[in-house]
Structure formats: structure tokens, C-alpha cells
């Protein structure tokens, strides 16, 4: 029993389509994983940025306080 050539062609096209679909599903899984990884990385960077901004603000406040103390000391020294 031989198959009809059109049936063979149909099965071949179906196998190609099935393979392409498998590739698409694999790509979707990969992109979903990459997306999650990028979201995790973004959250980490946002957290790090907030921490650095807080440290920067503390350092700025300390420098301003030192400048004020130096100006006060300079003023007291000039008054003597």
C-alpha cells in the first residue's frame, strides 16, 4: 500500500509546522526566563540606587556640618 503523494506532502508540512511550533515554544520559555532575570536585576539596581542616594545624602549632610563648624571656628578665631 503506497500513500498518495499529496498525503505525504501534507504530513511533511505538518512535521515542519510542528517543529516550528516547538521552536516557538522554546523561544517563548527562554524570553520569559530572560525577562524575569532582567526584572530581578532591575529591582536589585533600584535597591542599590536607593541605598547609594541615602549614603550620598548622609555624606552631604556631614560635609555641610563640617563646613559650618569650620566657619564658626574661623569666626571665633577672628574675634580674638
Protein backbone atom coordinates (compact mmCIF):
# COMPACT_ATOMS: atom_id res chain seq x y z
CA UNK A 1 0.00 0.00 0.00
CA UNK A 2 1.56 3.22 -1.11
CA UNK A 3 0.45 6.58 0.15
CA UNK A 4 -0.97 9.30 -2.01
CA UNK A 5 1.76 11.90 -2.83
CA UNK A 6 -0.45 14.71 -1.60
CA UNK A 7 -0.83 12.90 1.75
CA UNK A 8 2.97 12.54 2.04
CA UNK A 9 3.41 16.24 1.28
CA UNK A 10 0.74 17.12 3.87
CA UNK A 11 2.47 15.02 6.56
CA UNK A 12 5.82 16.57 5.71
CA UNK A 13 4.40 20.09 6.01
CA UNK A 14 2.73 19.09 9.27
CA UNK A 15 6.07 17.88 10.68
CA UNK A 16 7.72 21.14 9.62
CA UNK A 17 4.96 23.13 11.29
CA UNK A 18 5.23 21.01 14.43
CA UNK A 19 9.00 21.63 14.55
CA UNK A 20 8.49 25.38 14.10
CA UNK A 21 5.91 25.37 16.86
CA UNK A 22 8.32 23.55 19.19
CA UNK A 23 10.96 26.16 18.41
CA UNK A 24 8.49 28.95 19.12
CA UNK A 25 7.51 27.44 22.47
CA UNK A 26 11.20 27.07 23.40
CA UNK A 27 11.85 30.68 22.42
CA UNK A 28 8.89 31.87 24.49
CA UNK A 29 10.23 29.99 27.53
CA UNK A 30 13.69 31.47 27.02
CA UNK A 31 12.32 35.00 26.67
CA UNK A 32 10.18 34.56 29.77
CA UNK A 33 13.24 33.49 31.77
CA UNK A 34 15.31 36.38 30.42
CA UNK A 35 12.50 38.80 31.20
CA UNK A 36 12.29 37.56 34.79
CA UNK A 37 16.07 37.80 35.14
CA UNK A 38 16.01 41.38 33.85
CA UNK A 39 13.20 42.28 36.25
CA UNK A 40 15.16 40.81 39.16
CA UNK A 41 18.26 42.71 38.06
CA UNK A 42 16.26 45.93 37.76
CA UNK A 43 14.88 45.52 41.28
CA UNK A 44 18.40 44.95 42.61
CA UNK A 45 19.72 48.02 40.83
CA UNK A 46 16.84 50.16 42.09
CA UNK A 47 17.53 49.00 45.63
CA UNK A 48 21.25 49.70 45.25
CA UNK A 49 20.46 53.16 43.83
CA UNK A 50 18.23 54.00 46.79
CA UNK A 51 20.95 52.91 49.21
CA UNK A 52 23.60 54.98 47.39
CA UNK A 53 21.34 58.02 47.34
CA UNK A 54 20.82 57.69 51.10
CA UNK A 55 24.59 57.37 51.69
CA UNK A 56 25.18 60.38 49.45
CA UNK A 57 22.67 62.43 51.43
CA UNK A 58 24.34 61.44 54.72
CA UNK A 59 27.77 62.37 53.34
CA UNK A 60 26.44 65.70 52.06
CA UNK A 61 24.94 66.50 55.46
CA UNK A 62 28.21 65.67 57.21
CA UNK A 63 30.23 67.83 54.83
CA UNK A 64 27.82 70.73 55.31
CA UNK A 65 28.05 70.32 59.09
CA UNK A 66 31.88 70.33 58.94
CA UNK A 67 31.84 73.46 56.78
CA UNK A 68 29.56 75.18 59.28
CA UNK A 69 31.84 74.19 62.19
CA UNK A 70 34.93 75.43 60.31
CA UNK A 71 33.23 78.74 59.54
CA UNK A 72 32.23 79.05 63.18
CA UNK A 73 35.78 78.29 64.32
CA UNK A 74 37.16 80.81 61.81
CA UNK A 75 34.71 83.42 63.03
CA UNK A 76 35.63 82.72 66.70
CA UNK A 77 39.35 82.91 65.85
CA UNK A 78 38.92 86.27 64.09
CA UNK A 79 37.07 87.66 67.13
CA UNK A 80 40.04 87.02 69.45
